[in-house]
Amino acid sequence: MYTKEELEIVDYIESKQPESVVNVNQKIEHLKLAVTKKYNKRKAINIKVLESDIERFKVKALSEGMPYQTLINSILHKYITGQLVEKHL
C-alpha cells in the first residue's frame, strides 16, 4: 500500500504535464537541510559502564581536550562506520 505522498509522486511521474519547480536551487538547499537534520539528529541513550572505564575515558578525553561523552560518541561513530582500527604492536 502506498502512502499519500508516494501516490502523489507516482501521479507526478506518470503525468504528461510535469510542472517546473520554482526556485529550484532554493528547493534543493531546503531538501539537503532536511536530510542533514534527519540523519544528524542526536538521541540520548542510557548504558551501564564500569566506573573504572568511565574514569579511563575521562583521563583520555582530558588529554585529547574534549568532554568524555564526546570521546565515547566519537569511538562509537568510528566503530559503526568501520573507521575504528585496532593497533597491532
Protein backbone atom coordinates (compact mmCIF):
# COMPACT_ATOMS: atom_id res chain seq x y z
CA MET A 1 0.00 0.00 0.00
CA TYR A 2 1.35 3.41 -0.96
CA THR A 3 1.25 6.47 1.27
CA LYS A 4 -0.47 9.63 0.06
CA GLU A 5 2.91 11.21 -0.66
CA GLU A 6 4.09 8.17 -2.62
CA LEU A 7 0.91 8.22 -4.71
CA GLU A 8 1.46 11.91 -5.44
CA ILE A 9 4.97 11.10 -6.67
CA VAL A 10 3.68 8.29 -8.91
CA ASP A 11 0.98 10.60 -10.30
CA TYR A 12 3.59 13.28 -10.95
CA ILE A 13 5.94 10.88 -12.73
CA GLU A 14 3.15 9.42 -14.85
CA SER A 15 1.69 12.84 -15.61
CA LYS A 16 2.00 14.11 -19.15
CA GLN A 17 2.23 17.68 -17.82
CA PRO A 18 5.04 17.92 -15.26
CA GLU A 19 5.37 21.26 -13.51
CA SER A 20 8.56 23.24 -13.17
CA VAL A 21 9.96 23.81 -9.71
CA VAL A 22 10.07 27.47 -8.82
CA ASN A 23 13.41 28.49 -7.26
CA VAL A 24 14.93 25.04 -7.89
CA ASN A 25 18.24 25.90 -6.17
CA GLN A 26 16.40 27.07 -3.06
CA LYS A 27 14.31 23.88 -3.08
CA ILE A 28 17.46 21.72 -3.40
CA GLU A 29 19.08 23.50 -0.43
CA HIS A 30 15.88 23.08 1.59
CA LEU A 31 15.85 19.33 0.88
CA LYS A 32 19.56 18.98 1.69
CA LEU A 33 18.98 20.71 5.03
CA ALA A 34 16.03 18.43 5.80
CA VAL A 35 18.11 15.32 5.07
CA THR A 36 21.01 16.65 7.15
CA LYS A 37 18.70 17.33 10.09
CA LYS A 38 17.19 13.85 9.81
CA TYR A 39 20.48 11.97 9.77
CA ASN A 40 22.45 14.17 12.16
CA LYS A 41 19.81 14.15 14.85
CA ARG A 42 21.15 13.19 18.28
CA LYS A 43 19.40 10.70 20.53
CA ALA A 44 20.21 10.28 24.20
CA ILE A 45 20.83 6.74 25.42
CA ASN A 46 21.49 5.18 28.80
CA ILE A 47 24.08 2.42 29.20
CA LYS A 48 25.77 0.87 32.19
CA VAL A 49 29.55 1.19 32.07
CA LEU A 50 32.14 0.19 34.64
CA GLU A 51 33.17 3.16 36.77
CA SER A 52 36.81 2.32 36.10
CA ASP A 53 36.18 2.56 32.35
CA ILE A 54 34.48 5.94 32.78
CA GLU A 55 37.48 7.19 34.74
CA ARG A 56 39.79 5.98 31.96
CA PHE A 57 37.60 7.72 29.38
CA LYS A 58 37.79 10.93 31.40
CA VAL A 59 41.59 10.77 31.59
CA LYS A 60 41.90 10.04 27.86
CA ALA A 61 39.37 12.77 26.96
CA LEU A 62 41.22 15.30 29.12
CA SER A 63 44.45 14.55 27.26
CA GLU A 64 42.55 14.95 23.96
CA GLY A 65 40.96 18.22 25.12
CA MET A 66 37.34 17.16 24.88
CA PRO A 67 34.50 16.04 27.13
CA TYR A 68 34.47 12.30 27.80
CA GLN A 69 30.96 11.94 26.32
CA THR A 70 32.28 13.38 23.06
CA LEU A 71 35.13 10.88 23.08
CA ILE A 72 32.73 7.97 23.66
CA ASN A 73 30.45 9.24 20.87
CA SER A 74 33.43 9.54 18.53
CA ILE A 75 34.55 5.99 19.29
CA LEU A 76 31.04 4.62 18.71
CA HIS A 77 30.74 6.52 15.43
CA LYS A 78 34.12 5.32 14.20
CA TYR A 79 33.29 1.74 15.14
CA ILE A 80 29.91 1.67 13.41
CA THR A 81 31.30 3.30 10.23
CA GLY A 82 34.31 0.97 10.06
CA GLN A 83 36.83 3.71 10.77
CA LEU A 84 37.98 2.32 14.12
CA VAL A 85 41.05 0.21 13.52
CA GLU A 86 42.94 -1.89 16.03
CA LYS A 87 46.60 -1.09 16.54
CA HIS A 88 48.95 -4.02 16.36
CA LEU A 89 52.15 -3.58 18.33
